[in-house]
Amino acid sequence: MRLLLRLRRGGRLRLINRRLKALCLIPAFAAGICFSAPPPAPVEIVASQFGLFDATTPDELSFEPTNVVPRVEGQRYGWVIEVKTNKRNLSVREEYLIPLAAKPSAEPKDEFLEGFKTPPQRRNQVSQRQLVPVDGKIYGEWSVGKNEPAGHRHLQVFVEGQLAASFEYDVR
C-alpha cells in the first residue's frame, strides 16, 4: 500500500492513503446521484391541427382547420399542437418541403425527351425554436409571402425530438 505524506498548514504531517480516499469519495458521489433531480417527464402529444389563423381580431386567437391555404399575401396559417407536460418551454423543430417557383425552359424540344418528365425542383427548410405552452398548446404560425409559389407542402413538427405531427397541405 502506498502512503503519501502531506504537510498541512500548521506544520503537521498527515498520512493519506489514496485508496482510502477514493473509497470515501465513492459514497459521496453516489449520494449526489441518488439525490439529483429526476429526469423531466416526457411530452405527451394530445392532438394536432393545421389551418388558417384570422388576424381580424388581434385580441383573440381564431383558428380554422383546413388543408388549403389561399395564396393571398399576408394570409396567416400554421398549426396548433396540444401537449401534456410539466416543462416550461419545449424544443420545436419544423421540417418542410417547399416547391421552387417554376422557371420557363429555353431548352430545344427533343422528340425522344418529350416522354420523360422531370420532377419539379423542391427544397427543404428547417426551423428550430423554443416555445412556451399556453393552456397546454403550442403554436406555429406563418403568413403567405409576396412571391410564395403555389404548390403542395409537407410539414413535419418535432417536439423534444419526437415526431409530434405531420401535415400535408396546398397553397393555391
C-alpha atoms as a PDB file:
ATOM      1  CA  MET A   1       0.000   0.000   0.000  1.00  0.00           C
ATOM      2  CA  ARG A   2       1.356   3.358  -0.979  1.00  0.00           C
ATOM      3  CA  LEU A   3       1.120   6.119   1.582  1.00  0.00           C
ATOM      4  CA  LEU A   4       1.685   9.784   0.901  1.00  0.00           C
ATOM      5  CA  LEU A   5       2.924  12.341   3.357  1.00  0.00           C
ATOM      6  CA  ARG A   6       1.443  15.814   3.168  1.00  0.00           C
ATOM      7  CA  LEU A   7       2.456  18.866   5.065  1.00  0.00           C
ATOM      8  CA  ARG A   8      -0.539  20.735   6.442  1.00  0.00           C
ATOM      9  CA  ARG A   9      -0.633  24.475   7.052  1.00  0.00           C
ATOM     10  CA  GLY A  10       0.033  24.083  10.723  1.00  0.00           C
ATOM     11  CA  GLY A  11       3.252  22.230  10.000  1.00  0.00           C
ATOM     12  CA  ARG A  12       1.917  18.780  10.883  1.00  0.00           C
ATOM     13  CA  LEU A  13       2.355  15.834   8.593  1.00  0.00           C
ATOM     14  CA  ARG A  14      -0.688  13.881   7.547  1.00  0.00           C
ATOM     15  CA  LEU A  15      -0.729  10.365   6.121  1.00  0.00           C
ATOM     16  CA  ILE A  16      -3.104   9.902   3.215  1.00  0.00           C
ATOM     17  CA  ASN A  17      -3.854   6.605   1.622  1.00  0.00           C
ATOM     18  CA  ARG A  18      -5.031   7.125  -1.967  1.00  0.00           C
ATOM     19  CA  ARG A  19      -7.222   4.052  -1.941  1.00  0.00           C
ATOM     20  CA  LEU A  20      -8.861   5.020   1.326  1.00  0.00           C
ATOM     21  CA  LYS A  21      -9.507   8.490  -0.013  1.00  0.00           C
ATOM     22  CA  ALA A  22     -11.092   7.056  -3.179  1.00  0.00           C
ATOM     23  CA  LEU A  23     -13.285   4.728  -1.120  1.00  0.00           C
ATOM     24  CA  CYS A  24     -14.519   7.687   0.903  1.00  0.00           C
ATOM     25  CA  LEU A  25     -15.380   9.672  -2.222  1.00  0.00           C
ATOM     26  CA  ILE A  26     -17.451   6.915  -3.868  1.00  0.00           C
ATOM     27  CA  PRO A  27     -20.374   7.154  -1.392  1.00  0.00           C
ATOM     28  CA  ALA A  28     -20.303  10.951  -1.670  1.00  0.00           C
ATOM     29  CA  PHE A  29     -20.700  10.775  -5.458  1.00  0.00           C
ATOM     30  CA  ALA A  30     -23.362   8.072  -5.156  1.00  0.00           C
ATOM     31  CA  ALA A  31     -25.339  10.225  -2.718  1.00  0.00           C
ATOM     32  CA  GLY A  32     -25.194  13.105  -5.182  1.00  0.00           C
ATOM     33  CA  ILE A  33     -26.556  10.888  -7.928  1.00  0.00           C
ATOM     34  CA  CYS A  34     -29.313   9.489  -5.704  1.00  0.00           C
ATOM     35  CA  PHE A  35     -30.493  12.930  -4.634  1.00  0.00           C
ATOM     36  CA  SER A  36     -30.232  14.640  -8.011  1.00  0.00           C
ATOM     37  CA  ALA A  37     -33.399  15.878  -9.705  1.00  0.00           C
ATOM     38  CA  PRO A  38     -35.388  13.255 -11.600  1.00  0.00           C
ATOM     39  CA  PRO A  39     -35.306  13.494 -15.393  1.00  0.00           C
ATOM     40  CA  PRO A  40     -38.048  15.676 -16.871  1.00  0.00           C
ATOM     41  CA  ALA A  41     -41.262  13.903 -17.741  1.00  0.00           C
ATOM     42  CA  PRO A  42     -41.763  13.172 -21.431  1.00  0.00           C
ATOM     43  CA  VAL A  43     -44.040  15.338 -23.510  1.00  0.00           C
ATOM     44  CA  GLU A  44     -47.359  13.746 -24.429  1.00  0.00           C
ATOM     45  CA  ILE A  45     -48.864  14.870 -27.733  1.00  0.00           C
ATOM     46  CA  VAL A  46     -52.648  15.024 -27.283  1.00  0.00           C
ATOM     47  CA  ALA A  47     -53.820  16.460 -30.634  1.00  0.00           C
ATOM     48  CA  SER A  48     -52.618  18.459 -33.631  1.00  0.00           C
ATOM     49  CA  GLN A  49     -54.317  20.500 -36.366  1.00  0.00           C
ATOM     50  CA  PHE A  50     -53.247  22.546 -39.371  1.00  0.00           C
ATOM     51  CA  GLY A  51     -55.205  25.514 -40.667  1.00  0.00           C
ATOM     52  CA  LEU A  52     -55.724  29.253 -41.041  1.00  0.00           C
ATOM     53  CA  PHE A  53     -55.387  31.977 -38.419  1.00  0.00           C
ATOM     54  CA  ASP A  54     -57.663  35.027 -38.624  1.00  0.00           C
ATOM     55  CA  ALA A  55     -55.942  38.348 -37.956  1.00  0.00           C
ATOM     56  CA  THR A  56     -59.093  40.486 -37.918  1.00  0.00           C
ATOM     57  CA  THR A  57     -59.435  40.126 -34.138  1.00  0.00           C
ATOM     58  CA  PRO A  58     -55.983  40.807 -32.657  1.00  0.00           C
ATOM     59  CA  ASP A  59     -57.056  40.173 -29.036  1.00  0.00           C
ATOM     60  CA  GLU A  60     -58.285  36.625 -29.606  1.00  0.00           C
ATOM     61  CA  LEU A  61     -56.976  33.609 -31.451  1.00  0.00           C
ATOM     62  CA  SER A  62     -59.218  32.444 -34.257  1.00  0.00           C
ATOM     63  CA  PHE A  63     -58.185  29.195 -35.947  1.00  0.00           C
ATOM     64  CA  GLU A  64     -59.967  27.321 -38.753  1.00  0.00           C
ATOM     65  CA  PRO A  65     -58.701  23.794 -39.574  1.00  0.00           C
ATOM     66  CA  THR A  66     -58.058  23.249 -43.300  1.00  0.00           C
ATOM     67  CA  ASN A  67     -55.523  21.715 -45.686  1.00  0.00           C
ATOM     68  CA  VAL A  68     -55.761  24.514 -48.272  1.00  0.00           C
ATOM     69  CA  VAL A  69     -54.041  27.872 -47.779  1.00  0.00           C
ATOM     70  CA  PRO A  70     -55.200  30.685 -50.107  1.00  0.00           C
ATOM     71  CA  ARG A  71     -52.266  32.204 -51.989  1.00  0.00           C
ATOM     72  CA  VAL A  72     -53.079  35.695 -50.760  1.00  0.00           C
ATOM     73  CA  GLU A  73     -50.248  37.862 -49.494  1.00  0.00           C
ATOM     74  CA  GLY A  74     -50.467  38.173 -45.711  1.00  0.00           C
ATOM     75  CA  GLN A  75     -52.761  35.152 -45.199  1.00  0.00           C
ATOM     76  CA  ARG A  76     -51.811  33.650 -41.835  1.00  0.00           C
ATOM     77  CA  TYR A  77     -51.603  29.869 -41.477  1.00  0.00           C
ATOM     78  CA  GLY A  78     -49.949  27.252 -39.297  1.00  0.00           C
ATOM     79  CA  TRP A  79     -50.555  24.567 -36.712  1.00  0.00           C
ATOM     80  CA  VAL A  80     -51.782  24.056 -33.160  1.00  0.00           C
ATOM     81  CA  ILE A  81     -50.474  21.151 -31.077  1.00  0.00           C
ATOM     82  CA  GLU A  82     -51.990  20.241 -27.711  1.00  0.00           C
ATOM     83  CA  VAL A  83     -49.430  18.830 -25.265  1.00  0.00           C
ATOM     84  CA  LYS A  84     -49.314  17.470 -21.724  1.00  0.00           C
ATOM     85  CA  THR A  85     -46.075  18.366 -19.994  1.00  0.00           C
ATOM     86  CA  ASN A  86     -44.634  19.972 -16.876  1.00  0.00           C
ATOM     87  CA  LYS A  87     -41.867  21.659 -18.861  1.00  0.00           C
ATOM     88  CA  ARG A  88     -41.801  25.440 -19.076  1.00  0.00           C
ATOM     89  CA  ASN A  89     -40.606  25.501 -22.675  1.00  0.00           C
ATOM     90  CA  LEU A  90     -40.334  22.961 -25.463  1.00  0.00           C
ATOM     91  CA  SER A  91     -37.778  22.497 -28.205  1.00  0.00           C
ATOM     92  CA  VAL A  92     -39.649  22.515 -31.526  1.00  0.00           C
ATOM     93  CA  ARG A  93     -38.170  21.721 -34.941  1.00  0.00           C
ATOM     94  CA  GLU A  94     -40.140  22.155 -38.156  1.00  0.00           C
ATOM     95  CA  GLU A  95     -39.019  20.459 -41.359  1.00  0.00           C
ATOM     96  CA  TYR A  96     -40.898  21.342 -44.506  1.00  0.00           C
ATOM     97  CA  LEU A  97     -40.624  20.687 -48.212  1.00  0.00           C
ATOM     98  CA  ILE A  98     -41.364  23.679 -50.422  1.00  0.00           C
ATOM     99  CA  PRO A  99     -41.629  23.692 -54.230  1.00  0.00           C
ATOM    100  CA  LEU A 100     -39.486  26.224 -56.050  1.00  0.00           C
ATOM    101  CA  ALA A 101     -41.156  28.588 -58.485  1.00  0.00           C
ATOM    102  CA  ALA A 102     -41.331  27.099 -61.964  1.00  0.00           C
ATOM    103  CA  LYS A 103     -38.841  28.623 -64.405  1.00  0.00           C
ATOM    104  CA  PRO A 104     -39.584  28.692 -68.103  1.00  0.00           C
ATOM    105  CA  SER A 105     -37.427  26.260 -70.023  1.00  0.00           C
ATOM    106  CA  ALA A 106     -35.471  27.558 -73.007  1.00  0.00           C
ATOM    107  CA  GLU A 107     -34.238  24.102 -73.988  1.00  0.00           C
ATOM    108  CA  PRO A 108     -34.961  22.913 -77.523  1.00  0.00           C
ATOM    109  CA  LYS A 109     -37.665  20.266 -77.765  1.00  0.00           C
ATOM    110  CA  ASP A 110     -36.461  16.756 -78.445  1.00  0.00           C
ATOM    111  CA  GLU A 111     -38.939  14.097 -79.548  1.00  0.00           C
ATOM    112  CA  PHE A 112     -37.109  11.461 -77.532  1.00  0.00           C
ATOM    113  CA  LEU A 113     -37.144  13.514 -74.306  1.00  0.00           C
ATOM    114  CA  GLU A 114     -40.810  14.547 -74.556  1.00  0.00           C
ATOM    115  CA  GLY A 115     -41.879  11.228 -72.993  1.00  0.00           C
ATOM    116  CA  PHE A 116     -39.806  11.899 -69.884  1.00  0.00           C
ATOM    117  CA  LYS A 117     -40.861  14.396 -67.273  1.00  0.00           C
ATOM    118  CA  THR A 118     -38.503  15.726 -64.667  1.00  0.00           C
ATOM    119  CA  PRO A 119     -39.989  16.303 -61.241  1.00  0.00           C
ATOM    120  CA  PRO A 120     -40.328  19.925 -60.164  1.00  0.00           C
ATOM    121  CA  GLN A 121     -37.489  21.245 -58.068  1.00  0.00           C
ATOM    122  CA  ARG A 122     -38.098  21.277 -54.348  1.00  0.00           C
ATOM    123  CA  ARG A 123     -36.196  22.440 -51.316  1.00  0.00           C
ATOM    124  CA  ASN A 124     -36.238  21.670 -47.623  1.00  0.00           C
ATOM    125  CA  GLN A 125     -36.308  24.233 -44.856  1.00  0.00           C
ATOM    126  CA  VAL A 126     -35.757  23.600 -41.186  1.00  0.00           C
ATOM    127  CA  SER A 127     -36.540  25.922 -38.305  1.00  0.00           C
ATOM    128  CA  GLN A 128     -35.736  25.329 -34.650  1.00  0.00           C
ATOM    129  CA  ARG A 129     -37.109  27.311 -31.721  1.00  0.00           C
ATOM    130  CA  GLN A 130     -38.201  27.148 -28.100  1.00  0.00           C
ATOM    131  CA  LEU A 131     -41.943  27.534 -27.492  1.00  0.00           C
ATOM    132  CA  VAL A 132     -43.797  28.064 -24.226  1.00  0.00           C
ATOM    133  CA  PRO A 133     -47.030  26.058 -23.890  1.00  0.00           C
ATOM    134  CA  VAL A 134     -50.055  28.316 -23.291  1.00  0.00           C
ATOM    135  CA  ASP A 135     -53.013  26.476 -21.750  1.00  0.00           C
ATOM    136  CA  GLY A 136     -51.424  23.200 -22.873  1.00  0.00           C
ATOM    137  CA  LYS A 137     -50.988  24.280 -26.510  1.00  0.00           C
ATOM    138  CA  ILE A 138     -48.097  25.382 -28.701  1.00  0.00           C
ATOM    139  CA  TYR A 139     -48.480  27.267 -31.980  1.00  0.00           C
ATOM    140  CA  GLY A 140     -46.541  27.605 -35.217  1.00  0.00           C
ATOM    141  CA  GLU A 141     -47.625  30.420 -37.498  1.00  0.00           C
ATOM    142  CA  TRP A 142     -46.539  31.981 -40.810  1.00  0.00           C
ATOM    143  CA  SER A 143     -48.021  34.234 -43.459  1.00  0.00           C
ATOM    144  CA  VAL A 144     -48.063  33.878 -47.230  1.00  0.00           C
ATOM    145  CA  GLY A 145     -45.310  35.974 -48.778  1.00  0.00           C
ATOM    146  CA  LYS A 146     -45.398  38.151 -51.872  1.00  0.00           C
ATOM    147  CA  ASN A 147     -43.544  35.683 -54.119  1.00  0.00           C
ATOM    148  CA  GLU A 148     -44.536  32.451 -52.407  1.00  0.00           C
ATOM    149  CA  PRO A 149     -45.092  29.739 -55.017  1.00  0.00           C
ATOM    150  CA  ALA A 150     -48.271  27.719 -55.173  1.00  0.00           C
ATOM    151  CA  GLY A 151     -47.999  24.002 -54.632  1.00  0.00           C
ATOM    152  CA  HIS A 152     -48.156  21.054 -52.318  1.00  0.00           C
ATOM    153  CA  ARG A 153     -46.303  21.166 -48.985  1.00  0.00           C
ATOM    154  CA  HIS A 154     -45.309  18.554 -46.448  1.00  0.00           C
ATOM    155  CA  LEU A 155     -44.519  19.708 -42.920  1.00  0.00           C
ATOM    156  CA  GLN A 156     -43.257  17.649 -40.001  1.00  0.00           C
ATOM    157  CA  VAL A 157     -43.166  19.071 -36.481  1.00  0.00           C
ATOM    158  CA  PHE A 158     -40.861  17.535 -33.868  1.00  0.00           C
ATOM    159  CA  VAL A 159     -41.353  18.371 -30.183  1.00  0.00           C
ATOM    160  CA  GLU A 160     -38.478  17.483 -27.851  1.00  0.00           C
ATOM    161  CA  GLY A 161     -37.028  15.265 -30.577  1.00  0.00           C
ATOM    162  CA  GLN A 162     -40.161  13.182 -31.190  1.00  0.00           C
ATOM    163  CA  LEU A 163     -42.407  13.460 -34.239  1.00  0.00           C
ATOM    164  CA  ALA A 164     -45.483  15.301 -32.971  1.00  0.00           C
ATOM    165  CA  ALA A 165     -47.337  15.971 -36.236  1.00  0.00           C
ATOM    166  CA  SER A 166     -47.089  15.537 -39.985  1.00  0.00           C
ATOM    167  CA  PHE A 167     -49.164  17.831 -42.205  1.00  0.00           C
ATOM    168  CA  GLU A 168     -49.880  17.761 -45.949  1.00  0.00           C
ATOM    169  CA  TYR A 169     -51.369  20.982 -47.345  1.00  0.00           C
ATOM    170  CA  ASP A 170     -51.650  23.018 -50.540  1.00  0.00           C
ATOM    171  CA  VAL A 171     -51.062  26.702 -51.215  1.00  0.00           C
ATOM    172  CA  ARG A 172     -53.291  27.821 -54.104  1.00  0.00           C
END
